[in-house]
Amino acid sequence: MGAWELLLVGVVLLLGLGGVLVPGAPGPWLVWAAVLWWSFEDPGALSWGVLVGATGTLLLAQVIRWRLPPRRLRSSGATPRMAVYAGLGALLGFFVVPVLGAIPGYLGGAYLAERLRLGGHGEAMASVRAVMRRGGTSVLVELFACLLIAGAWLGAVLWG
């Protein structure tokens, strides 16, 4: 697989990660489709293993999401700015503290957005708690699963 094709797969993965944060966008499907495309173009044990792992990870994430309360983020006061901050925080946290840093990064990004919007610590904490209870947790589960898949793909491309 050439460098341009790998770059395109990476762009589709990034679009999928962004799509997780947008209500109604097929983010996990884009992430899975990018890995599927890569594994068909560069067949091998490693690429098929990443595809199988991606499929299992997304299925597990869907099972976990079904067990959580339904998404009602608009009624909780979540803003698009909060989604962007939380997503960037999760992405940054994923690489600063490998893998597990996505969770505190997500929460920290959401808190930062609310702190800037509302001004105070107490109001920001209350808002983040409300958002996480109303569906922010399901977004975090999907985003974490997609970050794991993107990280596995990146690791396989760089070291595989």
C-alpha atoms as a PDB file:
ATOM      1  CA  MET A   1       0.000   0.000   0.000  1.00  0.00           C
ATOM      2  CA  GLY A   2       1.414   3.369  -0.998  1.00  0.00           C
ATOM      3  CA  ALA A   3       1.920   6.406   1.173  1.00  0.00           C
ATOM      4  CA  TRP A   4      -1.002   8.270  -0.406  1.00  0.00           C
ATOM      5  CA  GLU A   5      -3.377   5.393   0.248  1.00  0.00           C
ATOM      6  CA  LEU A   6      -2.195   5.158   3.852  1.00  0.00           C
ATOM      7  CA  LEU A   7      -2.733   8.895   4.192  1.00  0.00           C
ATOM      8  CA  LEU A   8      -6.278   8.529   2.857  1.00  0.00           C
ATOM      9  CA  VAL A   9      -7.000   5.700   5.293  1.00  0.00           C
ATOM     10  CA  GLY A  10      -5.702   7.938   8.092  1.00  0.00           C
ATOM     11  CA  VAL A  11      -7.962  10.782   6.948  1.00  0.00           C
ATOM     12  CA  VAL A  12     -10.991   8.472   6.958  1.00  0.00           C
ATOM     13  CA  LEU A  13     -10.017   7.329  10.460  1.00  0.00           C
ATOM     14  CA  LEU A  14      -9.825  10.951  11.624  1.00  0.00           C
ATOM     15  CA  LEU A  15     -13.199  11.690  10.026  1.00  0.00           C
ATOM     16  CA  GLY A  16     -14.617   8.702  11.885  1.00  0.00           C
ATOM     17  CA  LEU A  17     -13.178   9.924  15.176  1.00  0.00           C
ATOM     18  CA  GLY A  18     -14.779  13.305  14.565  1.00  0.00           C
ATOM     19  CA  GLY A  19     -18.007  11.603  13.550  1.00  0.00           C
ATOM     20  CA  VAL A  20     -18.280   9.965  16.951  1.00  0.00           C
ATOM     21  CA  LEU A  21     -18.708  13.429  18.465  1.00  0.00           C
ATOM     22  CA  VAL A  22     -21.401  14.530  15.992  1.00  0.00           C
ATOM     23  CA  PRO A  23     -24.899  13.222  16.737  1.00  0.00           C
ATOM     24  CA  GLY A  24     -26.185  11.083  13.888  1.00  0.00           C
ATOM     25  CA  ALA A  25     -22.837  10.773  12.103  1.00  0.00           C
ATOM     26  CA  PRO A  26     -21.572   7.236  11.445  1.00  0.00           C
ATOM     27  CA  GLY A  27     -18.224   7.669  13.189  1.00  0.00           C
ATOM     28  CA  PRO A  28     -17.600   4.060  14.274  1.00  0.00           C
ATOM     29  CA  TRP A  29     -18.647   2.807  10.846  1.00  0.00           C
ATOM     30  CA  LEU A  30     -16.111   5.106   9.178  1.00  0.00           C
ATOM     31  CA  VAL A  31     -13.355   3.907  11.494  1.00  0.00           C
ATOM     32  CA  TRP A  32     -14.222   0.276  10.790  1.00  0.00           C
ATOM     33  CA  ALA A  33     -14.504   0.906   7.037  1.00  0.00           C
ATOM     34  CA  ALA A  34     -11.051   2.531   6.997  1.00  0.00           C
ATOM     35  CA  VAL A  35      -9.511  -0.504   8.697  1.00  0.00           C
ATOM     36  CA  LEU A  36     -11.413  -2.806   6.320  1.00  0.00           C
ATOM     37  CA  TRP A  37     -10.091  -0.859   3.322  1.00  0.00           C
ATOM     38  CA  TRP A  38      -6.540  -1.038   4.672  1.00  0.00           C
ATOM     39  CA  SER A  39      -6.764  -4.777   5.340  1.00  0.00           C
ATOM     40  CA  PHE A  40      -8.048  -5.480   1.806  1.00  0.00           C
ATOM     41  CA  GLU A  41      -5.344  -3.335   0.220  1.00  0.00           C
ATOM     42  CA  ASP A  42      -2.519  -4.691   2.393  1.00  0.00           C
ATOM     43  CA  PRO A  43      -3.511  -8.293   3.141  1.00  0.00           C
ATOM     44  CA  GLY A  44      -1.534 -10.053   5.791  1.00  0.00           C
ATOM     45  CA  ALA A  45      -1.884 -11.620   9.192  1.00  0.00           C
ATOM     46  CA  LEU A  46      -1.335  -8.309  10.979  1.00  0.00           C
ATOM     47  CA  SER A  47      -3.895  -6.359   8.956  1.00  0.00           C
ATOM     48  CA  TRP A  48      -6.506  -9.086   9.320  1.00  0.00           C
ATOM     49  CA  GLY A  49      -5.785  -9.286  13.038  1.00  0.00           C
ATOM     50  CA  VAL A  50      -6.330  -5.542  13.389  1.00  0.00           C
ATOM     51  CA  LEU A  51      -9.605  -5.869  11.438  1.00  0.00           C
ATOM     52  CA  VAL A  52     -10.830  -8.704  13.654  1.00  0.00           C
ATOM     53  CA  GLY A  53      -9.819  -6.758  16.756  1.00  0.00           C
ATOM     54  CA  ALA A  54     -11.575  -3.634  15.437  1.00  0.00           C
ATOM     55  CA  THR A  55     -14.743  -5.595  14.774  1.00  0.00           C
ATOM     56  CA  GLY A  56     -14.709  -7.135  18.249  1.00  0.00           C
ATOM     57  CA  THR A  57     -13.965  -3.798  19.892  1.00  0.00           C
ATOM     58  CA  LEU A  58     -16.830  -2.045  18.109  1.00  0.00           C
ATOM     59  CA  LEU A  59     -19.242  -4.881  18.930  1.00  0.00           C
ATOM     60  CA  LEU A  60     -18.237  -4.704  22.600  1.00  0.00           C
ATOM     61  CA  ALA A  61     -18.657  -0.918  22.563  1.00  0.00           C
ATOM     62  CA  GLN A  62     -22.154  -1.311  21.122  1.00  0.00           C
ATOM     63  CA  VAL A  63     -23.107  -3.818  23.822  1.00  0.00           C
ATOM     64  CA  ILE A  64     -21.848  -1.427  26.504  1.00  0.00           C
ATOM     65  CA  ARG A  65     -23.729   1.480  24.886  1.00  0.00           C
ATOM     66  CA  TRP A  66     -26.970  -0.501  24.883  1.00  0.00           C
ATOM     67  CA  ARG A  67     -26.596  -1.021  28.629  1.00  0.00           C
ATOM     68  CA  LEU A  68     -26.171   2.725  29.246  1.00  0.00           C
ATOM     69  CA  PRO A  69     -28.967   5.324  29.275  1.00  0.00           C
ATOM     70  CA  PRO A  70     -29.928   6.663  25.838  1.00  0.00           C
ATOM     71  CA  ARG A  71     -28.269   9.787  24.514  1.00  0.00           C
ATOM     72  CA  ARG A  72     -30.082  12.972  25.397  1.00  0.00           C
ATOM     73  CA  LEU A  73     -27.180  15.361  25.164  1.00  0.00           C
ATOM     74  CA  ARG A  74     -29.135  18.362  23.861  1.00  0.00           C
ATOM     75  CA  SER A  75     -31.434  18.365  26.886  1.00  0.00           C
ATOM     76  CA  SER A  76     -28.438  18.155  29.232  1.00  0.00           C
ATOM     77  CA  GLY A  77     -26.933  21.395  27.977  1.00  0.00           C
ATOM     78  CA  ALA A  78     -24.066  19.905  25.971  1.00  0.00           C
ATOM     79  CA  THR A  79     -22.782  22.285  23.327  1.00  0.00           C
ATOM     80  CA  PRO A  80     -20.845  21.608  20.128  1.00  0.00           C
ATOM     81  CA  ARG A  81     -17.921  23.483  21.685  1.00  0.00           C
ATOM     82  CA  MET A  82     -17.967  21.052  24.591  1.00  0.00           C
ATOM     83  CA  ALA A  83     -17.876  18.108  22.174  1.00  0.00           C
ATOM     84  CA  VAL A  84     -14.863  19.558  20.369  1.00  0.00           C
ATOM     85  CA  TYR A  85     -12.985  20.246  23.604  1.00  0.00           C
ATOM     86  CA  ALA A  86     -13.825  16.786  24.985  1.00  0.00           C
ATOM     87  CA  GLY A  87     -12.767  15.081  21.757  1.00  0.00           C
ATOM     88  CA  LEU A  88      -9.489  16.969  21.541  1.00  0.00           C
ATOM     89  CA  GLY A  89      -8.849  16.267  25.219  1.00  0.00           C
ATOM     90  CA  ALA A  90      -9.445  12.553  24.664  1.00  0.00           C
ATOM     91  CA  LEU A  91      -7.141  12.501  21.644  1.00  0.00           C
ATOM     92  CA  LEU A  92      -4.415  14.360  23.504  1.00  0.00           C
ATOM     93  CA  GLY A  93      -4.827  12.201  26.603  1.00  0.00           C
ATOM     94  CA  PHE A  94      -4.710   9.025  24.503  1.00  0.00           C
ATOM     95  CA  PHE A  95      -1.178   9.848  23.377  1.00  0.00           C
ATOM     96  CA  VAL A  96       0.156  11.624  26.498  1.00  0.00           C
ATOM     97  CA  VAL A  97      -0.800   8.789  28.853  1.00  0.00           C
ATOM     98  CA  PRO A  98      -1.034   5.896  26.387  1.00  0.00           C
ATOM     99  CA  VAL A  99      -4.531   4.516  25.914  1.00  0.00           C
ATOM    100  CA  LEU A 100      -6.037   5.156  29.359  1.00  0.00           C
ATOM    101  CA  GLY A 101      -5.353   8.884  29.178  1.00  0.00           C
ATOM    102  CA  ALA A 102      -8.323   9.252  26.816  1.00  0.00           C
ATOM    103  CA  ILE A 103     -10.794   9.029  29.680  1.00  0.00           C
ATOM    104  CA  PRO A 104      -9.395  11.838  31.876  1.00  0.00           C
ATOM    105  CA  GLY A 105      -8.621  13.785  28.702  1.00  0.00           C
ATOM    106  CA  TYR A 106     -12.271  13.579  27.639  1.00  0.00           C
ATOM    107  CA  LEU A 107     -13.520  14.672  31.042  1.00  0.00           C
ATOM    108  CA  GLY A 108     -10.889  17.401  31.296  1.00  0.00           C
ATOM    109  CA  GLY A 109     -11.789  18.779  27.878  1.00  0.00           C
ATOM    110  CA  ALA A 110     -15.476  18.828  28.750  1.00  0.00           C
ATOM    111  CA  TYR A 111     -14.703  20.537  32.058  1.00  0.00           C
ATOM    112  CA  LEU A 112     -12.506  23.134  30.348  1.00  0.00           C
ATOM    113  CA  ALA A 113     -15.244  23.992  27.853  1.00  0.00           C
ATOM    114  CA  GLU A 114     -17.799  24.387  30.622  1.00  0.00           C
ATOM    115  CA  ARG A 115     -15.423  26.347  32.816  1.00  0.00           C
ATOM    116  CA  LEU A 116     -14.821  28.808  29.984  1.00  0.00           C
ATOM    117  CA  ARG A 117     -18.543  29.027  29.248  1.00  0.00           C
ATOM    118  CA  LEU A 118     -19.897  29.247  32.799  1.00  0.00           C
ATOM    119  CA  GLY A 119     -16.981  30.841  34.601  1.00  0.00           C
ATOM    120  CA  GLY A 120     -16.939  28.935  37.873  1.00  0.00           C
ATOM    121  CA  HIS A 121     -15.715  25.567  39.093  1.00  0.00           C
ATOM    122  CA  GLY A 122     -18.962  24.474  40.746  1.00  0.00           C
ATOM    123  CA  GLU A 123     -21.161  25.276  37.765  1.00  0.00           C
ATOM    124  CA  ALA A 124     -18.737  23.597  35.379  1.00  0.00           C
ATOM    125  CA  MET A 125     -18.583  20.415  37.486  1.00  0.00           C
ATOM    126  CA  ALA A 126     -22.370  20.280  37.760  1.00  0.00           C
ATOM    127  CA  SER A 127     -22.713  20.716  34.004  1.00  0.00           C
ATOM    128  CA  VAL A 128     -20.172  17.993  33.205  1.00  0.00           C
ATOM    129  CA  ARG A 129     -21.892  15.620  35.635  1.00  0.00           C
ATOM    130  CA  ALA A 130     -25.256  16.300  33.999  1.00  0.00           C
ATOM    131  CA  VAL A 131     -23.861  15.748  30.517  1.00  0.00           C
ATOM    132  CA  MET A 132     -22.154  12.494  31.507  1.00  0.00           C
ATOM    133  CA  ARG A 133     -25.390  11.203  33.057  1.00  0.00           C
ATOM    134  CA  ARG A 134     -27.434  12.143  30.002  1.00  0.00           C
ATOM    135  CA  GLY A 135     -25.346  10.407  27.384  1.00  0.00           C
ATOM    136  CA  GLY A 136     -21.799  11.649  27.617  1.00  0.00           C
ATOM    137  CA  THR A 137     -20.726   8.249  28.874  1.00  0.00           C
ATOM    138  CA  SER A 138     -21.977   6.531  25.718  1.00  0.00           C
ATOM    139  CA  VAL A 139     -20.049   9.038  23.595  1.00  0.00           C
ATOM    140  CA  LEU A 140     -16.961   8.337  25.690  1.00  0.00           C
ATOM    141  CA  VAL A 141     -17.363   4.568  25.188  1.00  0.00           C
ATOM    142  CA  GLU A 142     -17.636   4.950  21.402  1.00  0.00           C
ATOM    143  CA  LEU A 143     -14.779   7.436  21.228  1.00  0.00           C
ATOM    144  CA  PHE A 144     -12.521   5.248  23.366  1.00  0.00           C
ATOM    145  CA  ALA A 145     -13.247   2.204  21.181  1.00  0.00           C
ATOM    146  CA  CYS A 146     -12.506   4.178  18.018  1.00  0.00           C
ATOM    147  CA  LEU A 147      -9.302   5.587  19.529  1.00  0.00           C
ATOM    148  CA  LEU A 148      -8.184   2.043  20.391  1.00  0.00           C
ATOM    149  CA  ILE A 149      -8.789   0.976  16.801  1.00  0.00           C
ATOM    150  CA  ALA A 150      -7.018   4.015  15.365  1.00  0.00           C
ATOM    151  CA  GLY A 151      -4.085   3.421  17.709  1.00  0.00           C
ATOM    152  CA  ALA A 152      -3.880  -0.241  16.711  1.00  0.00           C
ATOM    153  CA  TRP A 153      -3.945   0.724  13.033  1.00  0.00           C
ATOM    154  CA  LEU A 154      -1.247   3.358  13.528  1.00  0.00           C
ATOM    155  CA  GLY A 155       0.907   0.924  15.475  1.00  0.00           C
ATOM    156  CA  ALA A 156       0.498  -1.747  12.799  1.00  0.00           C
ATOM    157  CA  VAL A 157       1.404   0.692  10.033  1.00  0.00           C
ATOM    158  CA  LEU A 158       4.439   2.087  11.820  1.00  0.00           C
ATOM    159  CA  TRP A 159       5.863  -1.098  13.325  1.00  0.00           C
ATOM    160  CA  GLY A 160       4.223  -3.844  11.284  1.00  0.00           C
END
